[in-house]
Amino acid sequence: MQTEKTAMKSIRADSNLMVDAEVWPEGSLEVLSQHEADQLRNVGQGGLYALLRRCLLAVLNAGGMTDDARKVLERYSDFSVSFEQQDRGLKLVIRGAPPSAFVDGEMIRGIREQLFAVLRDIVFTSNEIQASGRFDLQTSDNITNAVFHILRNARLFNLPATPDLVVCWGGHAISREEYDYTKKVGYELGLRRLHVCTGCGPGAMKGPMKGATIGHSKQRIRDGRYIGITEPGIIAAESPNPIVNSLIIMPDMEKRLEAFVRVGHGIIVFPGGVGTAEEILYLLGVLLHPDNVEMPMPLIMTGPASSADYFRQIDQFIGATLGASAQKRYQIVVDDPEEVARLMQAGLATVRSFRKQHGDAYYFNWRLRIDHDFQKPFAATHESMSALEISRDLPAHKLAANLRRAFSGLVSGNVREDTILAIEKRGPFEISGAADIMSLLDDLLAGFVANGRMKLESDQYRPCYRVRL
């Protein structure tokens, strides 16, 4: 196995020493074609360099204490990458990297694996999904097929498969008590030989993985799966944690969410903010579709005793907007990690039975119906946010789709540098709709702000939205 050569240089920014390094691939994409290399070097329109740079910087900045993508990019403004094709394969040359990615002059192995996972997914998505003409990304079936091909290219599907993958959602800006609780749940999952998939960032995305590694170790499981699924718009604000051993970069938020529900067999939701609310509304909207009424998808919301009010407010919001049928699709368990794991294990047995009965694959949920409303990428702008239809006249799954878009826009307004800049120039997004729903939404968001669930720097948070009551 080749190890990278690292040259330490006195490049100082904010009193931190930056690192230059030469890195060889491990695990994926060991060579590039000339066309692919030219795409990745191209900084102009249609080039991939800017996208690649932000994603690679996010991986190298694991453990960073800010969720402001613009601050990350400004702090490491001199960061750059280039490529060299050699007889022994591709070499990645890095300049001005965060020092936290290195130990005694060598890059942490998990981070090195993630660097080339980024490279693999960006190249594949650009050439095989977007430019090949094989996928009409305006139709639902083709979008699902594209999601499948990205995941398959990332070697995510292990055969023979079994329903044992638990998706864990939750916020990155959570309290220490909530974070410790996510570790306890992850530990109980690990003891039951279950594997974990998260959004790959810090907080409630890292805790379950950390706990599962201990549970797996006690069970002598040496091939534990810690899957992280992210997308370029938020990766700089939620850097992948190094526990992730299968990192996948989906091209946008909607394909990321579809990947979660297609590969996951059950879902646990921890406390969070607008991103977590978006995920909950996405899943409930999908499950409320008439074609999915019989589809088993164990969904458990859980946290420590101090989070009881959080889940009470979420439950009330769902009941008042989407109705009792949506509330029936989940359970709320407070302060009981063992019960969460036991319930999830029982739910996965139901999933196994259902898929076996219908001849469905265990590794990818083809049978789940996802409307195009949940697949079409939503670009958060002042115009698109104010144009959202949030009305009592919509079917529950359609209302969920538009509420999901509203929360997606707020995620973008909190962490994406381009959206933050637009809000600074034009003011907060405005969200309007049915008066009673807007009142509920305003209360929910005010609770997120008051409890520091919007940003890590909660004391400096300025709302990126205005709800018109």
Protein backbone atom coordinates (compact mmCIF):
# COMPACT_ATOMS: atom_id res chain seq x y z
CA MET A 1 0.00 0.00 0.00
CA GLN A 2 1.37 3.38 -0.99
CA THR A 3 1.40 6.14 1.58
CA GLU A 4 1.15 9.81 0.71
CA LYS A 5 4.16 12.06 0.95
CA THR A 6 3.43 15.17 2.95
CA ALA A 7 5.50 18.35 2.94
CA MET A 8 4.87 20.66 5.89
CA LYS A 9 5.21 24.31 4.89
CA SER A 10 4.94 27.53 6.88
CA ILE A 11 1.72 28.79 5.35
CA ARG A 12 -0.15 30.60 8.12
CA ALA A 13 -3.77 31.65 8.29
CA ASP A 14 -5.54 32.50 11.53
CA SER A 15 -2.46 31.22 13.40
CA ASN A 16 -2.92 27.69 12.02
CA LEU A 17 -0.31 25.88 9.97
CA MET A 18 -1.60 24.75 6.58
CA VAL A 19 -0.37 21.56 4.96
CA ASP A 20 0.71 20.60 1.47
CA ALA A 21 0.43 16.94 0.48
CA GLU A 22 0.68 14.44 -2.35
CA VAL A 23 -1.94 11.72 -2.08
CA TRP A 24 -2.41 8.46 -3.97
CA PRO A 25 -5.86 6.83 -4.23
CA GLU A 26 -7.09 4.06 -2.02
CA GLY A 27 -10.24 2.12 -2.74
CA SER A 28 -11.65 3.96 -5.76
CA LEU A 29 -10.89 5.82 -8.99
CA GLU A 30 -7.19 5.13 -9.37
CA VAL A 31 -6.95 6.56 -12.89
CA LEU A 32 -8.60 9.36 -14.87
CA SER A 33 -9.10 9.72 -18.60
CA GLN A 34 -7.66 12.83 -20.22
CA HIS A 35 -11.18 14.18 -20.67
CA GLU A 36 -12.03 13.64 -17.01
CA ALA A 37 -8.81 15.29 -15.89
CA ASP A 38 -9.52 18.30 -18.13
CA GLN A 39 -13.03 18.60 -16.66
CA LEU A 40 -11.72 18.59 -13.13
CA ARG A 41 -9.08 21.22 -13.89
CA ASN A 42 -11.51 23.51 -15.71
CA VAL A 43 -12.47 26.52 -13.57
CA GLY A 44 -14.77 28.00 -16.22
CA GLN A 45 -18.40 27.40 -17.08
CA GLY A 46 -19.09 23.69 -17.32
CA GLY A 47 -15.90 22.84 -15.47
CA LEU A 48 -15.86 20.78 -12.31
CA TYR A 49 -12.94 22.35 -10.45
CA ALA A 50 -14.99 24.64 -8.17
CA LEU A 51 -17.32 21.79 -7.19
CA LEU A 52 -14.42 19.41 -6.60
CA ARG A 53 -12.48 21.96 -4.56
CA ARG A 54 -15.34 22.72 -2.14
CA CYS A 55 -16.10 19.02 -1.60
CA LEU A 56 -12.46 18.04 -1.05
CA LEU A 57 -11.95 20.95 1.33
CA ALA A 58 -15.01 19.83 3.31
CA VAL A 59 -13.57 16.33 3.72
CA LEU A 60 -10.20 17.70 4.84
CA ASN A 61 -11.91 20.08 7.28
CA ALA A 62 -13.52 17.26 9.29
CA GLY A 63 -13.98 18.37 12.88
CA GLY A 64 -14.24 22.05 11.98
CA MET A 65 -16.25 24.06 14.50
CA THR A 66 -18.28 26.20 12.09
CA ASP A 67 -21.29 25.43 9.90
CA ASP A 68 -20.90 28.60 7.82
CA ALA A 69 -19.71 27.41 4.41
CA ARG A 70 -18.57 30.89 3.44
CA LYS A 71 -16.30 31.16 6.49
CA VAL A 72 -14.74 27.79 5.66
CA LEU A 73 -14.06 28.79 2.05
CA GLU A 74 -12.69 32.19 3.13
CA ARG A 75 -10.44 30.73 5.81
CA TYR A 76 -8.89 28.31 3.33
CA SER A 77 -8.95 30.66 0.36
CA ASP A 78 -5.51 29.46 -0.75
CA PHE A 79 -6.54 25.82 -0.79
CA SER A 80 -6.03 24.21 -4.21
CA VAL A 81 -5.87 20.77 -5.83
CA SER A 82 -4.24 19.45 -8.98
CA PHE A 83 -3.72 16.05 -10.59
CA GLU A 84 -0.78 14.14 -11.94
CA GLN A 85 -1.09 10.92 -13.97
CA GLN A 86 1.84 8.62 -13.28
CA ASP A 87 2.78 5.07 -14.20
CA ARG A 88 1.56 3.89 -10.81
CA GLY A 89 -1.73 5.77 -11.17
CA LEU A 90 -3.36 9.07 -10.25
CA LYS A 91 -1.76 11.43 -7.76
CA LEU A 92 -3.68 14.25 -6.07
CA VAL A 93 -1.57 17.28 -5.17
CA ILE A 94 -3.02 19.40 -2.37
CA ARG A 95 -1.91 22.86 -1.30
CA GLY A 96 -2.98 24.74 1.85
CA ALA A 97 -5.02 21.94 3.47
CA PRO A 98 -6.41 22.05 7.04
CA PRO A 99 -3.86 20.47 9.42
CA SER A 100 -6.53 18.49 11.28
CA ALA A 101 -6.55 15.99 8.39
CA PHE A 102 -3.00 14.87 9.24
CA VAL A 103 -1.28 13.02 12.05
CA ASP A 104 2.52 13.26 12.32
CA GLY A 105 2.77 14.38 8.71
CA GLU A 106 0.53 11.67 7.25
CA MET A 107 -3.08 12.04 6.17
CA ILE A 108 -5.62 10.11 8.23
CA ARG A 109 -6.52 7.03 6.22
CA GLY A 110 -10.29 7.47 6.50
CA ILE A 111 -10.00 11.02 5.18
CA ARG A 112 -7.85 9.83 2.28
CA GLU A 113 -10.50 7.27 1.35
CA GLN A 114 -13.16 9.97 1.45
CA LEU A 115 -11.16 12.28 -0.83
CA PHE A 116 -11.24 9.75 -3.61
CA ALA A 117 -14.88 8.88 -2.96
CA VAL A 118 -15.60 12.55 -3.70
CA LEU A 119 -13.56 12.35 -6.89
CA ARG A 120 -15.31 9.11 -7.93
CA ASP A 121 -18.83 10.48 -7.46
CA ILE A 122 -18.24 13.86 -9.08
CA VAL A 123 -16.69 12.27 -12.17
CA PHE A 124 -19.35 9.56 -12.46
CA THR A 125 -22.31 11.88 -11.95
CA SER A 126 -21.03 14.42 -14.46
CA ASN A 127 -20.13 11.96 -17.21
CA GLU A 128 -22.46 9.00 -16.74
CA ILE A 129 -25.59 10.60 -15.27
CA GLN A 130 -25.80 14.20 -16.49
CA ALA A 131 -23.89 14.21 -19.79
CA SER A 132 -24.35 10.70 -21.17
CA GLY A 133 -27.95 11.09 -22.36
CA ARG A 134 -28.84 7.76 -20.75
CA PHE A 135 -31.08 9.34 -18.11
CA ASP A 136 -34.01 11.67 -18.69
CA LEU A 137 -33.83 13.44 -15.34
CA GLN A 138 -37.27 14.95 -15.87
CA THR A 139 -39.07 11.65 -15.24
CA SER A 140 -39.50 9.82 -11.94
CA ASP A 141 -38.35 6.39 -13.12
CA ASN A 142 -35.17 7.79 -14.65
CA ILE A 143 -34.34 9.81 -11.55
CA THR A 144 -34.68 6.68 -9.41
CA ASN A 145 -32.55 4.77 -11.91
CA ALA A 146 -29.89 7.50 -11.72
CA VAL A 147 -29.88 7.30 -7.91
CA PHE A 148 -29.42 3.54 -8.15
CA HIS A 149 -26.49 3.83 -10.59
CA ILE A 150 -24.67 6.40 -8.44
CA LEU A 151 -25.01 4.14 -5.39
CA ARG A 152 -23.99 1.04 -7.33
CA ASN A 153 -20.93 2.78 -8.73
CA ALA A 154 -20.01 3.65 -5.14
CA ARG A 155 -20.15 -0.10 -4.35
CA LEU A 156 -22.77 0.47 -1.70
CA PHE A 157 -24.71 -2.72 -2.38
CA ASN A 158 -23.36 -5.71 -0.49
CA LEU A 159 -24.67 -9.09 -1.58
CA PRO A 160 -26.15 -11.19 -0.17
CA ALA A 161 -28.07 -8.31 1.39
CA THR A 162 -30.16 -8.32 4.54
CA PRO A 163 -32.46 -5.64 6.03
CA ASP A 164 -30.06 -4.28 8.65
CA LEU A 165 -29.34 -0.68 7.62
CA VAL A 166 -30.75 2.04 9.89
CA VAL A 167 -30.79 5.62 8.65
CA CYS A 168 -30.24 8.13 11.46
CA TRP A 169 -31.34 11.72 10.95
CA GLY A 170 -30.84 14.67 13.29
CA GLY A 171 -29.19 18.03 13.64
CA HIS A 172 -25.54 19.03 13.77
CA ALA A 173 -26.31 21.85 16.25
CA ILE A 174 -27.48 19.78 19.23
CA SER A 175 -26.68 19.81 22.94
CA ARG A 176 -24.02 17.60 24.51
CA GLU A 177 -26.73 15.61 26.28
CA GLU A 178 -28.51 14.97 22.97
CA TYR A 179 -25.24 14.01 21.30
CA ASP A 180 -24.40 11.52 24.05
CA TYR A 181 -27.87 10.04 23.69
CA THR A 182 -27.32 9.43 19.95
CA LYS A 183 -24.18 7.48 20.85
CA LYS A 184 -26.15 5.30 23.27
CA VAL A 185 -28.72 4.49 20.61
CA GLY A 186 -25.96 3.74 18.10
CA TYR A 187 -24.36 1.42 20.66
CA GLU A 188 -27.60 -0.53 21.09
CA LEU A 189 -27.96 -0.80 17.32
CA GLY A 190 -24.40 -2.06 17.03
CA LEU A 191 -24.99 -4.71 19.68
CA ARG A 192 -27.89 -5.97 17.55
CA ARG A 193 -25.64 -6.23 14.50
CA LEU A 194 -27.35 -3.34 12.74
CA HIS A 195 -25.49 -0.85 10.57
CA VAL A 196 -25.80 2.92 10.37
CA CYS A 197 -26.34 5.44 7.58
CA THR A 198 -26.43 9.19 8.28
CA GLY A 199 -25.92 12.53 6.58
CA CYS A 200 -22.24 12.00 7.49
CA GLY A 201 -21.68 15.29 9.34
CA PRO A 202 -21.23 16.09 13.07
CA GLY A 203 -23.74 15.98 15.93
CA ALA A 204 -26.60 13.51 15.47
CA MET A 205 -24.96 12.29 12.27
CA LYS A 206 -21.72 11.32 14.00
CA GLY A 207 -22.99 10.09 17.38
CA PRO A 208 -24.86 6.97 16.19
CA MET A 209 -21.84 5.87 14.17
CA LYS A 210 -19.53 6.38 17.12
CA GLY A 211 -21.78 4.32 19.37
CA ALA A 212 -22.24 1.59 16.76
CA THR A 213 -18.47 1.11 16.44
CA ILE A 214 -18.34 0.09 20.13
CA GLY A 215 -21.33 -2.21 19.80
CA HIS A 216 -19.82 -3.81 16.71
CA SER A 217 -16.47 -4.20 18.46
CA LYS A 218 -18.10 -6.04 21.35
CA GLN A 219 -19.83 -8.35 18.88
CA ARG A 220 -16.52 -8.79 17.00
CA ILE A 221 -18.02 -7.34 13.85
CA ARG A 222 -15.11 -6.17 11.74
CA ASP A 223 -17.03 -5.09 8.66
CA GLY A 224 -19.40 -2.57 10.23
CA ARG A 225 -20.99 -0.21 7.73
CA TYR A 226 -20.98 3.51 8.50
CA ILE A 227 -22.49 5.08 5.41
CA GLY A 228 -22.58 8.83 4.86
CA ILE A 229 -24.71 10.43 2.14
CA THR A 230 -24.33 14.13 1.42
CA GLU A 231 -24.51 16.65 -1.44
CA PRO A 232 -22.34 19.57 -2.59
CA GLY A 233 -24.68 22.33 -1.38
CA ILE A 234 -24.24 21.54 2.31
CA ILE A 235 -21.01 19.54 2.50
CA ALA A 236 -18.83 22.54 3.37
CA ALA A 237 -21.07 23.32 6.36
CA GLU A 238 -21.38 19.69 7.46
CA SER A 239 -17.98 18.13 6.81
CA PRO A 240 -18.01 14.31 6.68
CA ASN A 241 -16.87 12.77 9.94
CA PRO A 242 -13.93 10.32 9.58
CA ILE A 243 -15.91 7.37 10.99
CA VAL A 244 -17.77 7.18 7.67
CA ASN A 245 -16.33 4.28 5.66
CA SER A 246 -18.67 4.61 2.67
CA LEU A 247 -19.08 8.24 1.58
CA ILE A 248 -21.44 9.07 -1.29
CA ILE A 249 -21.89 12.51 -2.85
CA MET A 250 -25.32 12.80 -4.49
CA PRO A 251 -25.78 15.65 -7.00
CA ASP A 252 -28.56 17.46 -5.09
CA MET A 253 -30.66 17.34 -1.95
CA GLU A 254 -33.60 15.54 -3.53
CA LYS A 255 -31.48 12.65 -4.82
CA ARG A 256 -29.76 12.51 -1.46
CA LEU A 257 -33.11 12.13 0.31
CA GLU A 258 -34.22 9.49 -2.19
CA ALA A 259 -30.99 7.58 -1.62
CA PHE A 260 -31.70 7.49 2.13
CA VAL A 261 -35.18 6.00 1.78
CA ARG A 262 -34.24 3.59 -1.02
CA VAL A 263 -31.29 1.98 0.80
CA GLY A 264 -32.41 2.36 4.43
CA HIS A 265 -34.64 -0.28 6.00
CA GLY A 266 -35.70 1.81 8.99
CA ILE A 267 -35.19 5.39 10.16
CA ILE A 268 -34.44 6.95 13.53
CA VAL A 269 -34.87 10.70 13.98
CA PHE A 270 -32.95 12.55 16.69
CA PRO A 271 -33.47 16.20 17.68
CA GLY A 272 -32.48 18.72 15.05
CA GLY A 273 -33.51 21.88 13.27
CA VAL A 274 -34.85 22.81 9.84
CA GLY A 275 -32.82 20.13 8.04
CA THR A 276 -34.29 17.42 10.26
CA ALA A 277 -37.79 18.83 9.76
CA GLU A 278 -37.19 18.70 6.01
CA GLU A 279 -36.21 15.03 6.23
CA ILE A 280 -39.25 14.15 8.36
CA LEU A 281 -41.63 15.90 5.95
CA TYR A 282 -39.98 14.25 2.97
CA LEU A 283 -40.40 10.76 4.39
CA LEU A 284 -43.95 11.31 5.65
CA GLY A 285 -44.95 12.85 2.33
CA VAL A 286 -43.63 9.80 0.50
CA LEU A 287 -45.29 7.36 2.90
CA LEU A 288 -48.64 9.19 2.66
CA HIS A 289 -48.86 8.49 -1.06
CA PRO A 290 -51.75 6.05 -1.64
CA ASP A 291 -49.40 3.57 -3.34
CA ASN A 292 -47.27 3.35 -0.18
CA VAL A 293 -50.00 2.76 2.38
CA GLU A 294 -48.96 -0.86 2.97
CA MET A 295 -45.21 -0.20 2.76
CA PRO A 296 -43.47 -0.96 6.07
CA MET A 297 -40.90 1.65 7.03
CA PRO A 298 -40.16 1.70 10.77
CA LEU A 299 -39.76 5.34 11.86
CA ILE A 300 -38.83 6.22 15.43
CA MET A 301 -38.29 9.71 16.83
CA THR A 302 -36.18 9.73 19.96
CA GLY A 303 -34.02 11.79 22.29
CA PRO A 304 -33.20 12.24 25.97
CA ALA A 305 -35.79 13.43 28.47
CA SER A 306 -34.74 17.03 27.84
CA SER A 307 -35.90 16.66 24.19
CA ALA A 308 -39.47 15.65 25.04
CA ASP A 309 -40.86 19.13 24.31
CA TYR A 310 -39.06 19.18 20.96
CA PHE A 311 -40.77 16.02 19.79
CA ARG A 312 -44.09 17.13 21.24
CA GLN A 313 -43.93 20.26 19.08
CA ILE A 314 -42.92 18.26 15.99
CA ASP A 315 -45.78 15.83 16.60
CA GLN A 316 -48.29 18.64 17.03
CA PHE A 317 -47.10 20.35 13.84
CA ILE A 318 -47.44 17.11 11.86
CA GLY A 319 -50.87 16.36 13.29
CA ALA A 320 -52.16 19.87 12.56
CA THR A 321 -50.79 19.98 9.00
CA LEU A 322 -50.69 16.41 7.65
CA GLY A 323 -53.20 14.75 9.95
CA ALA A 324 -53.54 11.65 12.10
CA SER A 325 -52.63 9.32 9.22
CA ALA A 326 -49.16 10.86 9.17
CA GLN A 327 -48.82 10.53 12.95
CA LYS A 328 -49.56 6.81 12.68
CA ARG A 329 -46.43 6.31 10.60
CA TYR A 330 -44.02 6.92 13.49
CA GLN A 331 -43.39 6.24 17.16
CA ILE A 332 -41.89 8.64 19.70
CA VAL A 333 -39.63 7.11 22.36
CA VAL A 334 -38.10 9.35 25.01
CA ASP A 335 -34.95 8.50 26.96
CA ASP A 336 -34.82 4.75 26.25
CA PRO A 337 -32.04 3.70 23.82
CA GLU A 338 -32.62 -0.03 24.37
CA GLU A 339 -36.31 0.25 23.55
CA VAL A 340 -35.49 2.22 20.40
CA ALA A 341 -33.15 -0.54 19.21
CA ARG A 342 -35.61 -3.31 20.11
CA LEU A 343 -38.45 -1.57 18.26
CA MET A 344 -36.22 -1.00 15.25
CA GLN A 345 -35.12 -4.64 15.18
CA ALA A 346 -38.76 -5.75 15.27
CA GLY A 347 -39.61 -3.28 12.50
CA LEU A 348 -36.82 -4.61 10.32
CA ALA A 349 -38.21 -8.12 10.69
CA THR A 350 -41.47 -6.79 9.23
CA VAL A 351 -39.54 -5.19 6.37
CA ARG A 352 -37.81 -8.50 5.64
CA SER A 353 -41.11 -10.37 5.61
CA PHE A 354 -42.78 -7.80 3.33
CA ARG A 355 -39.97 -7.74 0.80
CA LYS A 356 -39.65 -11.49 0.79
CA GLN A 357 -43.39 -11.83 0.23
CA HIS A 358 -43.31 -9.40 -2.71
CA GLY A 359 -40.01 -10.54 -4.18
CA ASP A 360 -38.39 -7.14 -3.58
CA ALA A 361 -34.66 -6.51 -3.29
CA TYR A 362 -33.26 -6.04 0.20
CA TYR A 363 -30.54 -3.62 -0.97
CA PHE A 364 -32.73 -1.05 -2.80
CA ASN A 365 -36.41 -0.29 -2.29
CA TRP A 366 -37.67 -0.25 -5.88
CA ARG A 367 -41.29 -0.68 -4.81
CA LEU A 368 -41.50 2.64 -2.92
CA ARG A 369 -43.45 5.21 -4.94
CA ILE A 370 -41.85 8.67 -4.92
CA ASP A 371 -43.74 11.41 -6.76
CA HIS A 372 -41.89 13.79 -9.03
CA ASP A 373 -42.78 16.59 -6.57
CA PHE A 374 -40.29 15.01 -4.16
CA GLN A 375 -37.63 14.42 -6.83
CA LYS A 376 -37.43 17.70 -8.71
CA PRO A 377 -34.52 19.81 -7.38
CA PHE A 378 -35.70 22.91 -5.55
CA ALA A 379 -33.53 26.01 -5.92
CA ALA A 380 -34.14 28.33 -2.98
CA THR A 381 -34.58 31.90 -4.20
CA HIS A 382 -36.73 34.75 -2.94
CA GLU A 383 -39.11 34.10 -5.84
CA SER A 384 -39.37 30.32 -5.40
CA MET A 385 -39.83 30.57 -1.64
CA SER A 386 -42.61 33.18 -1.84
CA ALA A 387 -44.34 31.18 -4.62
CA LEU A 388 -44.71 27.98 -2.55
CA GLU A 389 -48.33 26.87 -2.29
CA ILE A 390 -49.06 25.98 1.33
CA SER A 391 -52.79 25.42 1.37
CA ARG A 392 -55.39 23.25 3.11
CA ASP A 393 -56.79 22.43 -0.33
CA LEU A 394 -53.78 20.24 -1.18
CA PRO A 395 -53.72 16.47 -0.53
CA ALA A 396 -51.57 15.65 2.49
CA HIS A 397 -48.65 14.28 0.47
CA LYS A 398 -48.66 17.36 -1.80
CA LEU A 399 -48.74 19.72 1.19
CA ALA A 400 -45.84 17.75 2.69
CA ALA A 401 -43.89 18.24 -0.54
CA ASN A 402 -44.26 22.03 -0.39
CA LEU A 403 -43.56 22.23 3.33
CA ARG A 404 -40.45 20.17 2.67
CA ARG A 405 -39.36 22.70 0.05
CA ALA A 406 -39.87 25.54 2.55
CA PHE A 407 -37.59 23.86 5.08
CA SER A 408 -35.09 23.02 2.34
CA GLY A 409 -34.93 26.72 1.48
CA LEU A 410 -34.22 27.57 5.11
CA VAL A 411 -31.40 25.00 5.22
CA SER A 412 -29.94 26.68 2.16
CA GLY A 413 -30.36 30.11 3.73
CA ASN A 414 -28.49 28.95 6.82
CA VAL A 415 -25.49 27.21 5.26
CA ARG A 416 -25.06 27.77 1.50
CA GLU A 417 -22.75 30.68 0.75
CA ASP A 418 -24.60 31.74 -2.43
CA THR A 419 -27.97 31.75 -0.68
CA ILE A 420 -26.57 33.58 2.34
CA LEU A 421 -25.22 36.26 0.01
CA ALA A 422 -28.60 36.63 -1.73
CA ILE A 423 -30.33 37.08 1.64
CA GLU A 424 -27.79 39.70 2.69
CA LYS A 425 -28.55 41.63 -0.50
CA ARG A 426 -32.34 41.24 -0.61
CA GLY A 427 -33.37 40.47 2.94
CA PRO A 428 -34.95 37.34 4.43
CA PHE A 429 -37.04 34.86 2.47
CA GLU A 430 -40.78 35.37 2.84
CA ILE A 431 -43.03 32.34 3.35
CA SER A 432 -46.81 32.64 3.10
CA GLY A 433 -49.84 30.37 2.97
CA ALA A 434 -52.86 29.30 4.97
CA ALA A 435 -53.00 31.45 8.11
CA ASP A 436 -53.25 28.56 10.59
CA ILE A 437 -50.36 26.67 8.99
CA MET A 438 -48.21 29.81 8.93
CA SER A 439 -48.89 30.34 12.64
CA LEU A 440 -47.83 26.76 13.39
CA LEU A 441 -44.75 27.13 11.20
CA ASP A 442 -43.77 30.39 12.85
CA ASP A 443 -44.03 28.81 16.31
CA LEU A 444 -42.00 25.78 15.26
CA LEU A 445 -39.21 27.88 13.74
CA ALA A 446 -39.18 30.24 16.74
CA GLY A 447 -38.64 27.18 18.94
CA PHE A 448 -35.69 26.10 16.81
CA VAL A 449 -34.14 29.55 17.14
CA ALA A 450 -34.76 29.82 20.90
CA ASN A 451 -33.17 26.42 21.52
CA GLY A 452 -30.10 27.06 19.34
CA ARG A 453 -31.04 24.50 16.69
CA MET A 454 -30.46 26.65 13.62
CA LYS A 455 -26.68 27.16 13.69
CA LEU A 456 -23.67 26.24 15.80
CA GLU A 457 -23.13 29.95 16.45
CA SER A 458 -26.67 30.23 17.80
CA ASP A 459 -26.02 33.42 19.76
CA GLN A 460 -25.22 35.19 16.49
CA TYR A 461 -28.08 33.74 14.46
CA ARG A 462 -30.15 36.11 12.34
CA PRO A 463 -33.24 34.44 10.81
CA CYS A 464 -33.03 33.96 7.07
CA TYR A 465 -36.83 33.93 6.81
CA ARG A 466 -39.97 35.89 7.55
CA VAL A 467 -43.29 34.10 7.97
CA ARG A 468 -46.26 36.16 6.79
CA LEU A 469 -49.12 35.47 9.20
